[in-house]
């Protein structure tokens, strides 16, 4: 699935180069990219990034750093170079042909792709992906309020994303003009399914409602509607929060700790299907139990914002 890659590091470009590479690799047979770096690993990464940028798309490196290379000229009005992301580790036939240390201490590296081998593989992959997309569209994904349908919508979007990535590559390799798939269609399917979901939150042990409020905020941010009692929920988030008072010992004898366990389970009501379980455990201390518990609640909320959000978005977001 397409993920928003938030960190763009221009530093990569300092050590990358658009200069020609060794004559060893014939342009008629190979694509090549040359990179520089203070380490061999950086030089190899930059060589891969330079090669991938030939396809005129956003380039995702192995360390989630990106370099944007925009290229105009697509016939379809709905597709832009910036909408396609190439993962350099997902390029068939990409090899590091050579890496060496220069006299100034920097490293240079050359990445290559055999055009004929890569073209054959990508054509086969495009055909397989197209068949999969056609099958999905013959059995439309229902906007029935279930996370099962949302998972299918995410999968559908990921297939379209990969198809367009491969088309971008094969169009460059073969100087072809294969049409891109309209990514907006997959986005609309996802939105329709997402908008049909109504989620009810039931948490026990949340005495002041702060944890439930944070959970509702996170889910709402991700486009999930929260049941306010007037609409029948299609999904339920059930949770249990337990606190235990623990007296400190030894050098911590003046402290009281609030130990906590939290478990949140998401379940589709349409088919009574378990979705995923989020758990967390920890403890916070203070000189009085009330303050220790307040600190524990604050930590739980922070963990929901980071860990729960990450797990949820990884599975259910585009």
Protein backbone atom coordinates (compact mmCIF):
# COMPACT_ATOMS: atom_id res chain seq x y z
CA UNK A 1 0.00 0.00 0.00
CA UNK A 2 0.93 3.64 -0.70
CA UNK A 3 2.12 5.27 2.26
CA UNK A 4 2.73 9.24 2.68
CA UNK A 5 6.51 9.44 3.06
CA UNK A 6 7.03 12.38 5.31
CA UNK A 7 10.81 12.78 5.37
CA UNK A 8 12.53 14.17 2.26
CA UNK A 9 16.23 14.42 2.73
CA UNK A 10 17.98 16.61 0.22
CA UNK A 11 21.31 15.48 1.65
CA UNK A 12 21.12 12.39 -0.55
CA UNK A 13 21.47 14.60 -3.60
CA UNK A 14 24.75 16.03 -2.37
CA UNK A 15 26.44 12.72 -3.03
CA UNK A 16 24.46 11.56 -6.07
CA UNK A 17 25.50 12.34 -9.60
CA UNK A 18 23.97 12.57 -13.03
CA UNK A 19 27.30 12.07 -14.75
CA UNK A 20 27.78 9.16 -17.11
CA UNK A 21 29.00 5.87 -15.74
CA UNK A 22 31.59 3.45 -16.96
CA UNK A 23 31.51 2.49 -20.64
CA UNK A 24 31.55 -1.15 -19.53
CA UNK A 25 27.75 -1.17 -19.49
CA UNK A 26 26.22 -0.62 -22.92
CA UNK A 27 23.31 1.85 -22.92
CA UNK A 28 21.44 -0.43 -25.29
CA UNK A 29 21.58 -3.27 -22.76
CA UNK A 30 21.73 -1.63 -19.34
CA UNK A 31 20.33 1.17 -17.27
CA UNK A 32 22.97 2.58 -14.97
CA UNK A 33 23.17 4.91 -12.01
CA UNK A 34 26.23 6.29 -10.28
CA UNK A 35 26.32 7.40 -6.66
CA UNK A 36 28.78 8.92 -4.23
CA UNK A 37 28.96 8.73 -0.46
CA UNK A 38 31.18 8.96 2.56
CA UNK A 39 30.58 5.23 3.09
CA UNK A 40 30.19 2.35 0.65
CA UNK A 41 26.61 1.85 1.84
CA UNK A 42 25.69 5.49 1.12
CA UNK A 43 27.31 5.35 -2.31
CA UNK A 44 25.38 2.19 -3.19
CA UNK A 45 22.11 3.71 -1.97
CA UNK A 46 22.70 6.88 -4.00
CA UNK A 47 23.52 4.81 -7.10
CA UNK A 48 20.23 2.93 -6.71
CA UNK A 49 18.32 6.17 -6.20
CA UNK A 50 19.86 7.77 -9.29
CA UNK A 51 18.99 4.75 -11.39
CA UNK A 52 15.42 4.62 -10.07
CA UNK A 53 14.96 8.35 -10.72
CA UNK A 54 15.34 7.64 -14.45
CA UNK A 55 11.71 6.49 -14.37
CA UNK A 56 10.58 10.02 -13.58
CA UNK A 57 8.82 9.24 -10.31
CA UNK A 58 9.20 9.70 -6.59
CA UNK A 59 11.98 7.47 -5.33
CA UNK A 60 11.74 5.65 -2.03
CA UNK A 61 15.06 4.50 -0.66
CA UNK A 62 15.75 1.58 1.62
CA UNK A 63 15.90 3.95 4.59
CA UNK A 64 12.56 5.63 3.77
CA UNK A 65 14.38 8.74 2.60
CA UNK A 66 13.07 10.09 -0.67
CA UNK A 67 14.14 12.19 -3.59
CA UNK A 68 11.46 13.68 -5.81
CA UNK A 69 12.04 13.76 -9.55
CA UNK A 70 9.06 15.16 -11.49
CA UNK A 71 8.58 14.38 -15.18
CA UNK A 72 5.80 15.80 -17.35
CA UNK A 73 4.29 14.28 -20.43
CA UNK A 74 1.79 11.69 -19.21
CA UNK A 75 -1.25 11.58 -21.44
CA UNK A 76 -3.74 10.74 -18.68
CA UNK A 77 -4.83 13.82 -16.78
CA UNK A 78 -5.35 11.84 -13.58
CA UNK A 79 -1.81 10.57 -13.23
CA UNK A 80 1.20 12.55 -12.09
CA UNK A 81 4.77 11.47 -11.53
CA UNK A 82 4.47 12.57 -7.92
CA UNK A 83 1.68 10.03 -7.38
CA UNK A 84 3.91 7.02 -8.05
CA UNK A 85 6.57 5.86 -5.62
CA UNK A 86 9.43 3.60 -6.68
CA UNK A 87 11.02 1.54 -3.93
CA UNK A 88 14.58 0.92 -5.02
CA UNK A 89 14.52 -2.47 -3.30
CA UNK A 90 11.51 -3.45 -5.43
CA UNK A 91 13.30 -3.04 -8.75
CA UNK A 92 13.77 -6.34 -10.57
CA UNK A 93 17.30 -7.06 -11.72
CA UNK A 94 18.88 -4.14 -9.88
CA UNK A 95 22.48 -4.93 -8.99
CA UNK A 96 25.44 -3.09 -7.53
CA UNK A 97 28.02 -3.72 -10.22
CA UNK A 98 30.95 -2.00 -8.57
CA UNK A 99 31.91 -0.01 -5.49
CA UNK A 100 35.29 1.56 -4.89
CA UNK A 101 37.00 4.05 -2.62
CA UNK A 102 38.40 7.17 -4.28
CA UNK A 103 41.63 8.97 -3.37
CA UNK A 104 39.69 11.68 -1.50
CA UNK A 105 38.21 9.03 0.82
CA UNK A 106 34.75 9.08 -0.69
CA UNK A 107 33.16 6.02 -2.25
CA UNK A 108 31.65 5.64 -5.72
CA UNK A 109 29.23 2.95 -6.74
CA UNK A 110 27.50 1.86 -9.95
CA UNK A 111 24.04 0.27 -10.01
CA UNK A 112 22.79 -1.52 -13.13
CA UNK A 113 19.65 -3.14 -14.52
CA UNK A 114 19.66 -5.43 -17.55
CA UNK A 115 16.91 -3.96 -19.74
CA UNK A 116 15.87 -7.18 -21.49
CA UNK A 117 15.62 -9.21 -18.28
CA UNK A 118 13.76 -6.48 -16.41
CA UNK A 119 11.37 -5.79 -19.31
CA UNK A 120 10.35 -9.44 -19.57
CA UNK A 121 9.71 -9.68 -15.84
CA UNK A 122 7.74 -6.43 -15.59
CA UNK A 123 5.50 -7.32 -18.54
CA UNK A 124 4.57 -10.58 -16.85
CA UNK A 125 3.93 -8.80 -13.55
CA UNK A 126 1.76 -6.16 -15.23
CA UNK A 127 -0.37 -8.86 -16.86
CA UNK A 128 -0.81 -10.66 -13.51
CA UNK A 129 -1.72 -7.44 -11.71
CA UNK A 130 -4.19 -6.46 -14.40
CA UNK A 131 -5.92 -9.85 -14.13
CA UNK A 132 -6.15 -9.42 -10.35
CA UNK A 133 -7.65 -5.94 -10.72
CA UNK A 134 -10.22 -7.18 -13.23
CA UNK A 135 -11.27 -9.96 -10.84
CA UNK A 136 -11.73 -7.48 -8.01
CA UNK A 137 -13.86 -5.20 -10.17
CA UNK A 138 -16.08 -8.08 -11.25
CA UNK A 139 -16.96 -8.60 -7.58
CA UNK A 140 -17.23 -5.03 -6.25
CA UNK A 141 -16.14 -4.35 -2.68
CA UNK A 142 -19.22 -3.69 -0.56
CA UNK A 143 -19.48 -0.55 1.55
CA UNK A 144 -21.16 -2.58 4.29
CA UNK A 145 -19.58 -0.99 7.35
CA UNK A 146 -17.06 -3.76 7.95
CA UNK A 147 -13.32 -3.60 8.38
CA UNK A 148 -13.16 -6.75 6.26
CA UNK A 149 -14.29 -4.61 3.30
CA UNK A 150 -11.85 -1.89 4.34
CA UNK A 151 -8.98 -4.41 4.19
CA UNK A 152 -10.10 -5.36 0.68
CA UNK A 153 -10.20 -1.69 -0.32
CA UNK A 154 -6.66 -1.18 0.99
CA UNK A 155 -5.50 -4.25 -0.94
CA UNK A 156 -7.21 -2.99 -4.11
CA UNK A 157 -5.47 0.38 -3.77
CA UNK A 158 -2.11 -1.32 -3.23
CA UNK A 159 -2.55 -3.36 -6.41
CA UNK A 160 -3.34 -0.23 -8.43
CA UNK A 161 -0.36 1.53 -6.90
CA UNK A 162 1.97 -1.34 -7.82
CA UNK A 163 0.48 -1.65 -11.32
CA UNK A 164 1.14 2.04 -12.01
CA UNK A 165 4.66 1.75 -10.65
CA UNK A 166 5.42 -1.15 -13.00
CA UNK A 167 3.81 0.66 -15.95
CA UNK A 168 6.02 3.67 -15.28
CA UNK A 169 9.07 1.42 -15.38
CA UNK A 170 8.11 -0.56 -18.49
CA UNK A 171 7.17 2.62 -20.38
CA UNK A 172 10.68 3.88 -19.79
CA UNK A 173 12.41 0.57 -20.51
CA UNK A 174 10.56 -0.10 -23.77
CA UNK A 175 9.72 3.48 -24.75
CA UNK A 176 6.12 2.33 -24.55
CA UNK A 177 2.88 4.16 -23.74
CA UNK A 178 0.87 1.72 -21.61
CA UNK A 179 -2.03 3.49 -19.90
CA UNK A 180 -2.00 3.99 -16.16
CA UNK A 181 -4.80 2.78 -13.93
CA UNK A 182 -6.95 5.55 -12.47
CA UNK A 183 -5.84 5.62 -8.83
CA UNK A 184 -8.81 7.85 -8.00
CA UNK A 185 -11.15 4.94 -8.57
CA UNK A 186 -9.41 2.92 -5.86
CA UNK A 187 -9.37 5.97 -3.58
CA UNK A 188 -13.12 6.42 -4.01
CA UNK A 189 -13.77 2.76 -3.17
CA UNK A 190 -11.73 3.17 0.01
CA UNK A 191 -13.59 6.36 0.97
CA UNK A 192 -17.01 4.76 0.40
CA UNK A 193 -16.13 1.77 2.56
CA UNK A 194 -14.53 3.92 5.24
CA UNK A 195 -17.54 6.25 5.37
CA UNK A 196 -19.88 3.28 5.87
CA UNK A 197 -18.15 2.27 9.12
CA UNK A 198 -19.63 3.35 12.43
CA UNK A 199 -17.55 2.37 15.45
CA UNK A 200 -18.66 2.13 19.07
CA UNK A 201 -16.08 2.41 21.88
CA UNK A 202 -16.67 0.55 25.13
CA UNK A 203 -13.86 0.90 27.69
CA UNK A 204 -14.02 -0.23 31.29
CA UNK A 205 -11.64 1.17 33.89
CA UNK A 206 -11.45 4.56 32.13
CA UNK A 207 -12.67 6.55 35.12
CA UNK A 208 -12.44 10.06 33.69
CA UNK A 209 -13.05 9.18 30.02
CA UNK A 210 -9.73 10.65 28.85
CA UNK A 211 -8.53 7.42 27.25
CA UNK A 212 -11.78 6.85 25.36
CA UNK A 213 -11.73 10.48 24.17
CA UNK A 214 -8.18 10.05 22.84
CA UNK A 215 -9.06 6.79 21.10
CA UNK A 216 -12.10 8.43 19.49
CA UNK A 217 -9.96 11.37 18.33
CA UNK A 218 -7.39 9.09 16.71
CA UNK A 219 -10.00 7.03 14.87
CA UNK A 220 -11.88 10.15 13.77
CA UNK A 221 -8.63 11.60 12.42
CA UNK A 222 -8.37 8.49 10.25
CA UNK A 223 -11.88 8.96 8.87
CA UNK A 224 -13.73 6.49 11.09
CA UNK A 225 -17.12 7.65 12.32
CA UNK A 226 -17.76 7.17 16.04
CA UNK A 227 -21.21 6.08 17.16
CA UNK A 228 -22.94 8.66 19.31
CA UNK A 229 -25.83 6.39 20.21
CA UNK A 230 -28.14 7.54 17.41
CA UNK A 231 -26.64 5.26 14.75
CA UNK A 232 -26.24 1.50 14.85
CA UNK A 233 -22.53 0.61 15.11
CA UNK A 234 -20.97 -1.76 12.59
CA UNK A 235 -17.70 -2.21 14.52
CA UNK A 236 -16.96 -2.23 18.22
CA UNK A 237 -13.77 -1.38 20.09
CA UNK A 238 -13.95 -3.09 23.46
CA UNK A 239 -11.30 -2.45 26.05
CA UNK A 240 -10.24 -3.05 29.61
CA UNK A 241 -7.90 -0.83 31.62
CA UNK A 242 -6.57 -2.08 34.96
CA UNK A 243 -4.54 -0.08 37.48
CA UNK A 244 -2.68 -1.49 40.47
CA UNK A 245 -1.11 0.43 43.35
CA UNK A 246 2.44 -0.69 44.11
CA UNK A 247 4.55 0.67 46.96
CA UNK A 248 8.14 1.42 46.05
CA UNK A 249 10.95 -0.39 47.83
CA UNK A 250 14.59 0.35 48.57
CA UNK A 251 15.74 3.69 47.23
CA UNK A 252 12.25 4.15 45.72
CA UNK A 253 10.45 3.53 49.05
CA UNK A 254 9.14 7.11 49.08
CA UNK A 255 7.36 6.52 45.77
CA UNK A 256 4.04 4.91 44.91
CA UNK A 257 3.62 3.36 41.47
CA UNK A 258 0.53 3.02 39.32
CA UNK A 259 1.01 -0.11 37.23
CA UNK A 260 -1.33 -0.45 34.28
CA UNK A 261 -2.49 -2.95 31.69
CA UNK A 262 -4.63 -1.99 28.73
CA UNK A 263 -6.20 -4.18 26.07
CA UNK A 264 -8.36 -2.93 23.19
CA UNK A 265 -10.05 -5.39 20.81
CA UNK A 266 -11.65 -4.38 17.51
CA UNK A 267 -14.45 -6.60 16.20
CA UNK A 268 -16.67 -6.49 13.11
CA UNK A 269 -20.30 -6.82 14.19
CA UNK A 270 -21.48 -7.76 10.70
CA UNK A 271 -19.73 -11.13 10.79
CA UNK A 272 -18.54 -11.20 14.43
CA UNK A 273 -14.95 -11.21 13.20
CA UNK A 274 -12.02 -10.30 15.43
CA UNK A 275 -9.87 -7.63 13.78
CA UNK A 276 -6.90 -6.81 15.91
CA UNK A 277 -5.86 -6.51 19.53
CA UNK A 278 -3.81 -3.68 21.00
CA UNK A 279 -2.12 -4.18 24.37
CA UNK A 280 0.16 -2.11 26.55
CA UNK A 281 1.72 -2.49 29.99
CA UNK A 282 3.78 -0.18 32.18
CA UNK A 283 3.95 1.80 35.37
CA UNK A 284 4.51 5.37 36.51
CA UNK A 285 5.58 6.61 39.91
CA UNK A 286 5.04 9.61 42.16
CA UNK A 287 4.96 10.45 45.84
CA UNK A 288 1.19 9.93 45.93
CA UNK A 289 -0.91 7.37 44.08
CA UNK A 290 -3.30 9.87 42.48
CA UNK A 291 -0.45 11.70 40.77
CA UNK A 292 1.18 8.40 39.74
CA UNK A 293 -2.10 7.29 38.17
CA UNK A 294 -2.46 10.61 36.34
CA UNK A 295 1.01 10.16 34.91
CA UNK A 296 0.13 6.59 33.86
CA UNK A 297 -2.99 7.83 32.05
CA UNK A 298 -0.89 10.46 30.25
CA UNK A 299 1.55 7.75 29.11
CA UNK A 300 -1.31 5.53 27.91
CA UNK A 301 -2.63 8.43 25.83
CA UNK A 302 0.83 9.04 24.34
CA UNK A 303 1.14 5.36 23.47
CA UNK A 304 -2.26 5.37 21.77
CA UNK A 305 -1.19 8.34 19.65
CA UNK A 306 2.03 6.61 18.61
CA UNK A 307 1.82 2.82 18.82
CA UNK A 308 -1.94 2.25 18.37
CA UNK A 309 -2.16 4.80 15.56
CA UNK A 310 0.83 3.25 13.77
CA UNK A 311 -0.58 -0.29 14.00
CA UNK A 312 -4.04 0.82 12.90
CA UNK A 313 -2.84 2.94 9.99
CA UNK A 314 -0.47 0.21 8.83
CA UNK A 315 -3.41 -2.15 8.41
CA UNK A 316 -6.33 0.07 7.45
CA UNK A 317 -5.01 3.27 5.86
CA UNK A 318 -3.78 4.03 2.37
